[in-house]
Amino acid sequence: MILYNVTCLVEDSIRAEWLKWMKEVHLPEVMATGKFVSHKMYKIDPHDPSDTGTSYSIQYLLESRDDYKDYSENHGPALKAKTQAKFGDSVMAFRTILEEV
């Protein structure tokens, strides 16, 4: 199994809008690609209470690297562009691939 993790830092001013959009639009679109087995979203506890913004970890489970490759080549760029167009620099994301051992 492969875990595709997207960690997002979301500005507090758009947090409610972003969460609603993720749950109602983005996550269903990602899952509709048929490449993922499941997904979960977690709020990350801040290391420092004075940090600004809220961080989230969105974890998508895949059967294989081939599924990830297909997603990243044929689906991911358009979905990332849609997110960027909607939220711009108010959301910063980085992605990690983890392989179960």
PDB file of N, CA and C in Angstrom:
ATOM      1  N   MET A   1       0.841  -1.184   0.000  1.00  0.00           N
ATOM      2  CA  MET A   1       0.000   0.000   0.000  1.00  0.00           C
ATOM      3  C   MET A   1       0.883   1.243   0.000  1.00  0.00           C
ATOM      4  N   ILE A   2       0.373   2.285  -0.626  1.00  0.00           N
ATOM      5  CA  ILE A   2       1.050   3.567  -0.715  1.00  0.00           C
ATOM      6  C   ILE A   2       0.165   4.615  -0.044  1.00  0.00           C
ATOM      7  N   LEU A   3       0.774   5.479   0.745  1.00  0.00           N
ATOM      8  CA  LEU A   3       0.054   6.585   1.367  1.00  0.00           C
ATOM      9  C   LEU A   3       0.541   7.882   0.740  1.00  0.00           C
ATOM     10  N   TYR A   4      -0.383   8.607   0.168  1.00  0.00           N
ATOM     11  CA  TYR A   4      -0.096   9.922  -0.407  1.00  0.00           C
ATOM     12  C   TYR A   4      -0.601  10.940   0.599  1.00  0.00           C
ATOM     13  N   ASN A   5       0.327  11.682   1.199  1.00  0.00           N
ATOM     14  CA  ASN A   5      -0.018  12.649   2.232  1.00  0.00           C
ATOM     15  C   ASN A   5       0.140  14.070   1.696  1.00  0.00           C
ATOM     16  N   VAL A   6      -0.885  14.872   1.874  1.00  0.00           N
ATOM     17  CA  VAL A   6      -0.816  16.287   1.519  1.00  0.00           C
ATOM     18  C   VAL A   6      -1.003  17.077   2.807  1.00  0.00           C
ATOM     19  N   THR A   7       0.023  17.832   3.184  1.00  0.00           N
ATOM     20  CA  THR A   7      -0.049  18.664   4.375  1.00  0.00           C
ATOM     21  C   THR A   7      -0.303  20.093   3.927  1.00  0.00           C
ATOM     22  N   CYS A   8      -1.356  20.698   4.474  1.00  0.00           N
ATOM     23  CA  CYS A   8      -1.761  22.046   4.079  1.00  0.00           C
ATOM     24  C   CYS A   8      -1.725  22.982   5.281  1.00  0.00           C
ATOM     25  N   LEU A   9      -1.160  24.155   5.067  1.00  0.00           N
ATOM     26  CA  LEU A   9      -1.228  25.231   6.044  1.00  0.00           C
ATOM     27  C   LEU A   9      -2.234  26.236   5.504  1.00  0.00           C
ATOM     28  N   VAL A  10      -3.325  26.428   6.235  1.00  0.00           N
ATOM     29  CA  VAL A  10      -4.461  27.225   5.777  1.00  0.00           C
ATOM     30  C   VAL A  10      -4.566  28.487   6.631  1.00  0.00           C
ATOM     31  N   GLU A  11      -4.637  29.637   5.970  1.00  0.00           N
ATOM     32  CA  GLU A  11      -4.814  30.892   6.711  1.00  0.00           C
ATOM     33  C   GLU A  11      -6.130  30.843   7.468  1.00  0.00           C
ATOM     34  N   ASP A  12      -6.112  31.365   8.689  1.00  0.00           N
ATOM     35  CA  ASP A  12      -7.306  31.320   9.532  1.00  0.00           C
ATOM     36  C   ASP A  12      -8.498  32.023   8.899  1.00  0.00           C
ATOM     37  N   SER A  13      -8.267  33.068   8.112  1.00  0.00           N
ATOM     38  CA  SER A  13      -9.370  33.840   7.523  1.00  0.00           C
ATOM     39  C   SER A  13     -10.198  33.039   6.525  1.00  0.00           C
ATOM     40  N   ILE A  14      -9.664  31.948   5.980  1.00  0.00           N
ATOM     41  CA  ILE A  14     -10.410  31.143   5.000  1.00  0.00           C
ATOM     42  C   ILE A  14     -10.647  29.719   5.469  1.00  0.00           C
ATOM     43  N   ARG A  15     -10.260  29.417   6.695  1.00  0.00           N
ATOM     44  CA  ARG A  15     -10.311  28.038   7.189  1.00  0.00           C
ATOM     45  C   ARG A  15     -11.681  27.392   7.028  1.00  0.00           C
ATOM     46  N   ALA A  16     -12.754  28.045   7.440  1.00  0.00           N
ATOM     47  CA  ALA A  16     -14.092  27.447   7.352  1.00  0.00           C
ATOM     48  C   ALA A  16     -14.485  27.198   5.901  1.00  0.00           C
ATOM     49  N   GLU A  17     -14.211  28.181   5.040  1.00  0.00           N
ATOM     50  CA  GLU A  17     -14.526  28.021   3.610  1.00  0.00           C
ATOM     51  C   GLU A  17     -13.716  26.872   3.006  1.00  0.00           C
ATOM     52  N   TRP A  18     -12.426  26.798   3.328  1.00  0.00           N
ATOM     53  CA  TRP A  18     -11.558  25.753   2.793  1.00  0.00           C
ATOM     54  C   TRP A  18     -12.021  24.367   3.245  1.00  0.00           C
ATOM     55  N   LEU A  19     -12.338  24.217   4.537  1.00  0.00           N
ATOM     56  CA  LEU A  19     -12.803  22.921   5.042  1.00  0.00           C
ATOM     57  C   LEU A  19     -14.081  22.474   4.343  1.00  0.00           C
ATOM     58  N   LYS A  20     -15.013  23.387   4.194  1.00  0.00           N
ATOM     59  CA  LYS A  20     -16.277  23.059   3.509  1.00  0.00           C
ATOM     60  C   LYS A  20     -15.999  22.637   2.076  1.00  0.00           C
ATOM     61  N   TRP A  21     -15.156  23.384   1.368  1.00  0.00           N
ATOM     62  CA  TRP A  21     -14.820  23.072  -0.019  1.00  0.00           C
ATOM     63  C   TRP A  21     -14.101  21.726  -0.120  1.00  0.00           C
ATOM     64  N   MET A  22     -13.175  21.474   0.796  1.00  0.00           N
ATOM     65  CA  MET A  22     -12.464  20.190   0.785  1.00  0.00           C
ATOM     66  C   MET A  22     -13.436  19.027   0.920  1.00  0.00           C
ATOM     67  N   LYS A  23     -14.324  19.123   1.897  1.00  0.00           N
ATOM     68  CA  LYS A  23     -15.243  18.016   2.171  1.00  0.00           C
ATOM     69  C   LYS A  23     -16.306  17.846   1.091  1.00  0.00           C
ATOM     70  N   GLU A  24     -16.793  18.949   0.541  1.00  0.00           N
ATOM     71  CA  GLU A  24     -17.909  18.875  -0.409  1.00  0.00           C
ATOM     72  C   GLU A  24     -17.477  18.814  -1.875  1.00  0.00           C
ATOM     73  N   VAL A  25     -16.292  19.333  -2.186  1.00  0.00           N
ATOM     74  CA  VAL A  25     -15.876  19.414  -3.593  1.00  0.00           C
ATOM     75  C   VAL A  25     -14.583  18.633  -3.848  1.00  0.00           C
ATOM     76  N   HIS A  26     -13.494  19.061  -3.220  1.00  0.00           N
ATOM     77  CA  HIS A  26     -12.190  18.522  -3.581  1.00  0.00           C
ATOM     78  C   HIS A  26     -12.032  17.028  -3.277  1.00  0.00           C
ATOM     79  N   LEU A  27     -12.302  16.623  -2.055  1.00  0.00           N
ATOM     80  CA  LEU A  27     -12.130  15.208  -1.711  1.00  0.00           C
ATOM     81  C   LEU A  27     -12.998  14.303  -2.579  1.00  0.00           C
ATOM     82  N   PRO A  28     -14.269  14.641  -2.825  1.00  0.00           N
ATOM     83  CA  PRO A  28     -15.054  13.806  -3.746  1.00  0.00           C
ATOM     84  C   PRO A  28     -14.462  13.758  -5.162  1.00  0.00           C
ATOM     85  N   GLU A  29     -13.895  14.878  -5.635  1.00  0.00           N
ATOM     86  CA  GLU A  29     -13.286  14.871  -6.962  1.00  0.00           C
ATOM     87  C   GLU A  29     -12.046  13.979  -7.005  1.00  0.00           C
ATOM     88  N   VAL A  30     -11.228  14.051  -5.964  1.00  0.00           N
ATOM     89  CA  VAL A  30     -10.038  13.195  -5.913  1.00  0.00           C
ATOM     90  C   VAL A  30     -10.458  11.726  -5.883  1.00  0.00           C
ATOM     91  N   MET A  31     -11.415  11.397  -5.050  1.00  0.00           N
ATOM     92  CA  MET A  31     -11.851  10.006  -4.946  1.00  0.00           C
ATOM     93  C   MET A  31     -12.515   9.524  -6.238  1.00  0.00           C
ATOM     94  N   ALA A  32     -13.137  10.420  -6.980  1.00  0.00           N
ATOM     95  CA  ALA A  32     -13.796  10.054  -8.242  1.00  0.00           C
ATOM     96  C   ALA A  32     -12.794   9.639  -9.317  1.00  0.00           C
ATOM     97  N   THR A  33     -11.505   9.919  -9.122  1.00  0.00           N
ATOM     98  CA  THR A  33     -10.509   9.477 -10.099  1.00  0.00           C
ATOM     99  C   THR A  33     -10.385   7.957 -10.113  1.00  0.00           C
ATOM    100  N   GLY A  34     -10.847   7.307  -9.049  1.00  0.00           N
ATOM    101  CA  GLY A  34     -10.779   5.851  -8.972  1.00  0.00           C
ATOM    102  C   GLY A  34      -9.401   5.309  -8.612  1.00  0.00           C
ATOM    103  N   LYS A  35      -8.477   6.177  -8.263  1.00  0.00           N
ATOM    104  CA  LYS A  35      -7.105   5.753  -7.960  1.00  0.00           C
ATOM    105  C   LYS A  35      -6.882   5.462  -6.483  1.00  0.00           C
ATOM    106  N   PHE A  36      -7.773   5.922  -5.627  1.00  0.00           N
ATOM    107  CA  PHE A  36      -7.561   5.826  -4.190  1.00  0.00           C
ATOM    108  C   PHE A  36      -8.546   4.855  -3.542  1.00  0.00           C
ATOM    109  N   VAL A  37      -8.053   4.152  -2.536  1.00  0.00           N
ATOM    110  CA  VAL A  37      -8.868   3.203  -1.787  1.00  0.00           C
ATOM    111  C   VAL A  37      -9.698   3.934  -0.738  1.00  0.00           C
ATOM    112  N   SER A  38      -9.062   4.918  -0.080  1.00  0.00           N
ATOM    113  CA  SER A  38      -9.743   5.664   0.980  1.00  0.00           C
ATOM    114  C   SER A  38      -8.980   6.952   1.251  1.00  0.00           C
ATOM    115  N   HIS A  39      -9.566   7.785   2.097  1.00  0.00           N
ATOM    116  CA  HIS A  39      -8.884   9.015   2.516  1.00  0.00           C
ATOM    117  C   HIS A  39      -9.320   9.377   3.931  1.00  0.00           C
ATOM    118  N   LYS A  40      -8.468  10.151   4.601  1.00  0.00           N
ATOM    119  CA  LYS A  40      -8.774  10.696   5.920  1.00  0.00           C
ATOM    120  C   LYS A  40      -8.157  12.083   5.996  1.00  0.00           C
ATOM    121  N   MET A  41      -8.780  12.941   6.779  1.00  0.00           N
ATOM    122  CA  MET A  41      -8.230  14.278   6.983  1.00  0.00           C
ATOM    123  C   MET A  41      -8.088  14.514   8.489  1.00  0.00           C
ATOM    124  N   TYR A  42      -6.927  15.041   8.865  1.00  0.00           N
ATOM    125  CA  TYR A  42      -6.621  15.306  10.263  1.00  0.00           C
ATOM    126  C   TYR A  42      -6.190  16.756  10.443  1.00  0.00           C
ATOM    127  N   LYS A  43      -6.611  17.348  11.544  1.00  0.00           N
ATOM    128  CA  LYS A  43      -6.088  18.649  11.949  1.00  0.00           C
ATOM    129  C   LYS A  43      -4.814  18.376  12.731  1.00  0.00           C
ATOM    130  N   ILE A  44      -3.753  19.113  12.431  1.00  0.00           N
ATOM    131  CA  ILE A  44      -2.473  18.927  13.100  1.00  0.00           C
ATOM    132  C   ILE A  44      -2.404  19.870  14.298  1.00  0.00           C
ATOM    133  N   ASP A  45      -2.082  19.311  15.463  1.00  0.00           N
ATOM    134  CA  ASP A  45      -1.915  20.143  16.651  1.00  0.00           C
ATOM    135  C   ASP A  45      -0.709  21.053  16.452  1.00  0.00           C
ATOM    136  N   PRO A  46      -0.866  22.335  16.752  1.00  0.00           N
ATOM    137  CA  PRO A  46       0.271  23.249  16.560  1.00  0.00           C
ATOM    138  C   PRO A  46       1.364  22.993  17.597  1.00  0.00           C
ATOM    139  N   HIS A  47       2.613  23.159  17.160  1.00  0.00           N
ATOM    140  CA  HIS A  47       3.741  23.034  18.092  1.00  0.00           C
ATOM    141  C   HIS A  47       3.807  24.244  19.013  1.00  0.00           C
ATOM    142  N   ASP A  48       3.370  25.374  18.475  1.00  0.00           N
ATOM    143  CA  ASP A  48       3.450  26.630  19.212  1.00  0.00           C
ATOM    144  C   ASP A  48       2.080  27.297  19.135  1.00  0.00           C
ATOM    145  N   PRO A  49       1.421  27.519  20.248  1.00  0.00           N
ATOM    146  CA  PRO A  49       0.083  28.120  20.235  1.00  0.00           C
ATOM    147  C   PRO A  49       0.019  29.490  19.547  1.00  0.00           C
ATOM    148  N   SER A  50       1.160  30.143  19.407  1.00  0.00           N
ATOM    149  CA  SER A  50       1.150  31.457  18.753  1.00  0.00           C
ATOM    150  C   SER A  50       1.268  31.349  17.230  1.00  0.00           C
ATOM    151  N   ASP A  51       1.406  30.114  16.695  1.00  0.00           N
ATOM    152  CA  ASP A  51       1.473  29.938  15.243  1.00  0.00           C
ATOM    153  C   ASP A  51       0.210  30.488  14.589  1.00  0.00           C
ATOM    154  N   THR A  52       0.366  31.049  13.415  1.00  0.00           N
ATOM    155  CA  THR A  52      -0.800  31.525  12.666  1.00  0.00           C
ATOM    156  C   THR A  52      -1.162  30.480  11.628  1.00  0.00           C
ATOM    157  N   GLY A  53      -2.439  30.421  11.318  1.00  0.00           N
ATOM    158  CA  GLY A  53      -2.924  29.422  10.373  1.00  0.00           C
ATOM    159  C   GLY A  53      -3.160  28.097  11.068  1.00  0.00           C
ATOM    160  N   THR A  54      -3.782  27.196  10.330  1.00  0.00           N
ATOM    161  CA  THR A  54      -4.085  25.858  10.832  1.00  0.00           C
ATOM    162  C   THR A  54      -3.563  24.859   9.813  1.00  0.00           C
ATOM    163  N   SER A  55      -2.911  23.809  10.309  1.00  0.00           N
ATOM    164  CA  SER A  55      -2.364  22.783   9.421  1.00  0.00           C
ATOM    165  C   SER A  55      -3.240  21.542   9.450  1.00  0.00           C
ATOM    166  N   TYR A  56      -3.335  20.921   8.272  1.00  0.00           N
ATOM    167  CA  TYR A  56      -4.110  19.695   8.100  1.00  0.00           C
ATOM    168  C   TYR A  56      -3.281  18.683   7.339  1.00  0.00           C
ATOM    169  N   SER A  57      -3.501  17.417   7.637  1.00  0.00           N
ATOM    170  CA  SER A  57      -2.910  16.323   6.892  1.00  0.00           C
ATOM    171  C   SER A  57      -4.043  15.570   6.217  1.00  0.00           C
ATOM    172  N   ILE A  58      -3.990  15.502   4.885  1.00  0.00           N
ATOM    173  CA  ILE A  58      -4.974  14.736   4.129  1.00  0.00           C
ATOM    174  C   ILE A  58      -4.240  13.510   3.613  1.00  0.00           C
ATOM    175  N   GLN A  59      -4.711  12.340   4.001  1.00  0.00           N
ATOM    176  CA  GLN A  59      -4.035  11.094   3.676  1.00  0.00           C
ATOM    177  C   GLN A  59      -4.905  10.248   2.758  1.00  0.00           C
ATOM    178  N   TYR A  60      -4.311   9.907   1.615  1.00  0.00           N
ATOM    179  CA  TYR A  60      -5.000   9.104   0.611  1.00  0.00           C
ATOM    180  C   TYR A  60      -4.281   7.767   0.489  1.00  0.00           C
ATOM    181  N   LEU A  61      -5.018   6.678   0.548  1.00  0.00           N
ATOM    182  CA  LEU A  61      -4.442   5.346   0.445  1.00  0.00           C
ATOM    183  C   LEU A  61      -4.609   4.824  -0.980  1.00  0.00           C
ATOM    184  N   LEU A  62      -3.502   4.304  -1.535  1.00  0.00           N
ATOM    185  CA  LEU A  62      -3.498   3.738  -2.882  1.00  0.00           C
ATOM    186  C   LEU A  62      -3.011   2.292  -2.833  1.00  0.00           C
ATOM    187  N   GLU A  63      -3.416   1.517  -3.818  1.00  0.00           N
ATOM    188  CA  GLU A  63      -2.959   0.136  -3.922  1.00  0.00           C
ATOM    189  C   GLU A  63      -1.511   0.041  -4.371  1.00  0.00           C
ATOM    190  N   SER A  64      -1.083   0.958  -5.275  1.00  0.00           N
ATOM    191  CA  SER A  64       0.238   0.787  -5.878  1.00  0.00           C
ATOM    192  C   SER A  64       0.844   2.121  -6.310  1.00  0.00           C
ATOM    193  N   ARG A  65       2.142   2.093  -6.580  1.00  0.00           N
ATOM    194  CA  ARG A  65       2.838   3.260  -7.137  1.00  0.00           C
ATOM    195  C   ARG A  65       2.310   3.587  -8.531  1.00  0.00           C
ATOM    196  N   ASP A  66       1.902   2.564  -9.275  1.00  0.00           N
ATOM    197  CA  ASP A  66       1.334   2.806 -10.606  1.00  0.00           C
ATOM    198  C   ASP A  66       0.065   3.652 -10.512  1.00  0.00           C
ATOM    199  N   ASP A  67      -0.757   3.384  -9.494  1.00  0.00           N
ATOM    200  CA  ASP A  67      -1.958   4.206  -9.290  1.00  0.00           C
ATOM    201  C   ASP A  67      -1.565   5.648  -8.974  1.00  0.00           C
ATOM    202  N   TYR A  68      -0.537   5.823  -8.133  1.00  0.00           N
ATOM    203  CA  TYR A  68      -0.081   7.180  -7.830  1.00  0.00           C
ATOM    204  C   TYR A  68       0.467   7.861  -9.091  1.00  0.00           C
ATOM    205  N   LYS A  69       1.254   7.145  -9.853  1.00  0.00           N
ATOM    206  CA  LYS A  69       1.831   7.718 -11.076  1.00  0.00           C
ATOM    207  C   LYS A  69       0.722   8.172 -12.021  1.00  0.00           C
ATOM    208  N   ASP A  70      -0.283   7.336 -12.205  1.00  0.00           N
ATOM    209  CA  ASP A  70      -1.397   7.707 -13.081  1.00  0.00           C
ATOM    210  C   ASP A  70      -2.125   8.927 -12.547  1.00  0.00           C
ATOM    211  N   TYR A  71      -2.379   8.950 -11.241  1.00  0.00           N
ATOM    212  CA  TYR A  71      -3.038  10.106 -10.641  1.00  0.00           C
ATOM    213  C   TYR A  71      -2.195  11.369 -10.845  1.00  0.00           C
ATOM    214  N   SER A  72      -0.902  11.282 -10.530  1.00  0.00           N
ATOM    215  CA  SER A  72      -0.050  12.471 -10.581  1.00  0.00           C
ATOM    216  C   SER A  72       0.154  12.977 -12.006  1.00  0.00           C
ATOM    217  N   GLU A  73       0.064  12.106 -12.985  1.00  0.00           N
ATOM    218  CA  GLU A  73       0.240  12.530 -14.379  1.00  0.00           C
ATOM    219  C   GLU A  73      -1.063  12.965 -15.041  1.00  0.00           C
ATOM    220  N   ASN A  74      -2.174  12.315 -14.691  1.00  0.00           N
ATOM    221  CA  ASN A  74      -3.418  12.519 -15.434  1.00  0.00           C
ATOM    222  C   ASN A  74      -4.534  13.234 -14.688  1.00  0.00           C
ATOM    223  N   HIS A  75      -4.422  13.348 -13.377  1.00  0.00           N
ATOM    224  CA  HIS A  75      -5.504  13.959 -12.593  1.00  0.00           C
ATOM    225  C   HIS A  75      -5.012  15.078 -11.675  1.00  0.00           C
ATOM    226  N   GLY A  76      -3.896  14.832 -11.009  1.00  0.00           N
ATOM    227  CA  GLY A  76      -3.377  15.745  -9.996  1.00  0.00           C
ATOM    228  C   GLY A  76      -3.172  17.179 -10.456  1.00  0.00           C
ATOM    229  N   PRO A  77      -2.528  17.392 -11.610  1.00  0.00           N
ATOM    230  CA  PRO A  77      -2.263  18.784 -12.015  1.00  0.00           C
ATOM    231  C   PRO A  77      -3.526  19.648 -12.138  1.00  0.00           C
ATOM    232  N   ALA A  78      -4.578  19.113 -12.697  1.00  0.00           N
ATOM    233  CA  ALA A  78      -5.818  19.897 -12.845  1.00  0.00           C
ATOM    234  C   ALA A  78      -6.457  20.167 -11.486  1.00  0.00           C
ATOM    235  N   LEU A  79      -6.424  19.180 -10.593  1.00  0.00           N
ATOM    236  CA  LEU A  79      -7.015  19.376  -9.271  1.00  0.00           C
ATOM    237  C   LEU A  79      -6.202  20.374  -8.446  1.00  0.00           C
ATOM    238  N   LYS A  80      -4.878  20.327  -8.564  1.00  0.00           N
ATOM    239  CA  LYS A  80      -4.028  21.308  -7.876  1.00  0.00           C
ATOM    240  C   LYS A  80      -4.292  22.708  -8.417  1.00  0.00           C
ATOM    241  N   ALA A  81      -4.420  22.819  -9.734  1.00  0.00           N
ATOM    242  CA  ALA A  81      -4.670  24.129 -10.354  1.00  0.00           C
ATOM    243  C   ALA A  81      -6.004  24.703  -9.898  1.00  0.00           C
ATOM    244  N   LYS A  82      -7.001  23.860  -9.760  1.00  0.00           N
ATOM    245  CA  LYS A  82      -8.318  24.310  -9.300  1.00  0.00           C
ATOM    246  C   LYS A  82      -8.228  24.849  -7.867  1.00  0.00           C
ATOM    247  N   THR A  83      -7.481  24.161  -7.016  1.00  0.00           N
ATOM    248  CA  THR A  83      -7.292  24.615  -5.642  1.00  0.00           C
ATOM    249  C   THR A  83      -6.547  25.943  -5.621  1.00  0.00           C
ATOM    250  N   GLN A  84      -5.491  26.039  -6.414  1.00  0.00           N
ATOM    251  CA  GLN A  84      -4.699  27.270  -6.485  1.00  0.00           C
ATOM    252  C   GLN A  84      -5.548  28.437  -6.981  1.00  0.00           C
ATOM    253  N   ALA A  85      -6.382  28.194  -7.970  1.00  0.00           N
ATOM    254  CA  ALA A  85      -7.236  29.258  -8.509  1.00  0.00           C
ATOM    255  C   ALA A  85      -8.237  29.743  -7.459  1.00  0.00           C
ATOM    256  N   LYS A  86      -8.724  28.832  -6.638  1.00  0.00           N
ATOM    257  CA  LYS A  86      -9.730  29.203  -5.640  1.00  0.00           C
ATOM    258  C   LYS A  86      -9.122  29.891  -4.428  1.00  0.00           C
ATOM    259  N   PHE A  87      -7.970  29.394  -3.948  1.00  0.00           N
ATOM    260  CA  PHE A  87      -7.439  29.883  -2.673  1.00  0.00           C
ATOM    261  C   PHE A  87      -6.094  30.602  -2.777  1.00  0.00           C
ATOM    262  N   GLY A  88      -5.442  30.526  -3.913  1.00  0.00           N
ATOM    263  CA  GLY A  88      -4.175  31.231  -4.099  1.00  0.00           C
ATOM    264  C   GLY A  88      -3.160  30.914  -3.019  1.00  0.00           C
ATOM    265  N   ASP A  89      -2.502  31.954  -2.526  1.00  0.00           N
ATOM    266  CA  ASP A  89      -1.458  31.789  -1.518  1.00  0.00           C
ATOM    267  C   ASP A  89      -1.995  31.656  -0.098  1.00  0.00           C
ATOM    268  N   SER A  90      -3.304  31.574   0.056  1.00  0.00           N
ATOM    269  CA  SER A  90      -3.895  31.412   1.384  1.00  0.00           C
ATOM    270  C   SER A  90      -3.753  29.982   1.900  1.00  0.00           C
ATOM    271  N   VAL A  91      -3.381  29.054   0.997  1.00  0.00           N
ATOM    272  CA  VAL A  91      -3.145  27.663   1.372  1.00  0.00           C
ATOM    273  C   VAL A  91      -1.789  27.258   0.805  1.00  0.00           C
ATOM    274  N   MET A  92      -0.922  26.792   1.680  1.00  0.00           N
ATOM    275  CA  MET A  92       0.364  26.254   1.237  1.00  0.00           C
ATOM    276  C   MET A  92       0.334  24.746   1.475  1.00  0.00           C
ATOM    277  N   ALA A  93       0.790  23.985   0.476  1.00  0.00           N
ATOM    278  CA  ALA A  93       0.736  22.530   0.586  1.00  0.00           C
ATOM    279  C   ALA A  93       2.070  21.909   0.213  1.00  0.00           C
ATOM    280  N   PHE A  94       2.377  20.804   0.882  1.00  0.00           N
ATOM    281  CA  PHE A  94       3.479  19.974   0.416  1.00  0.00           C
ATOM    282  C   PHE A  94       3.039  18.524   0.485  1.00  0.00           C
ATOM    283  N   ARG A  95       3.617  17.741  -0.409  1.00  0.00           N
ATOM    284  CA  ARG A  95       3.164  16.371  -0.610  1.00  0.00           C
ATOM    285  C   ARG A  95       4.273  15.379  -0.290  1.00  0.00           C
ATOM    286  N   THR A  96       3.883  14.229   0.263  1.00  0.00           N
ATOM    287  CA  THR A  96       4.818  13.177   0.628  1.00  0.00           C
ATOM    288  C   THR A  96       4.209  11.835   0.223  1.00  0.00           C
ATOM    289  N   ILE A  97       5.051  10.970  -0.316  1.00  0.00           N
ATOM    290  CA  ILE A  97       4.638   9.596  -0.627  1.00  0.00           C
ATOM    291  C   ILE A  97       5.283   8.675   0.406  1.00  0.00           C
ATOM    292  N   LEU A  98       4.474   7.827   1.023  1.00  0.00           N
ATOM    293  CA  LEU A  98       4.980   6.884   2.009  1.00  0.00           C
ATOM    294  C   LEU A  98       4.604   5.477   1.559  1.00  0.00           C
ATOM    295  N   GLU A  99       5.529   4.568   1.724  1.00  0.00           N
ATOM    296  CA  GLU A  99       5.281   3.183   1.361  1.00  0.00           C
ATOM    297  C   GLU A  99       5.245   2.341   2.623  1.00  0.00           C
ATOM    298  N   GLU A 100       4.215   1.517   2.742  1.00  0.00           N
ATOM    299  CA  GLU A 100       4.085   0.634   3.899  1.00  0.00           C
ATOM    300  C   GLU A 100       5.190  -0.411   3.887  1.00  0.00           C
ATOM    301  N   VAL A 101       5.815  -0.624   5.036  1.00  0.00           N
ATOM    302  CA  VAL A 101       6.876  -1.627   5.140  1.00  0.00           C
ATOM    303  C   VAL A 101       6.534  -2.668   6.175  1.00  0.00           C
TER     304      VAL A 101
END
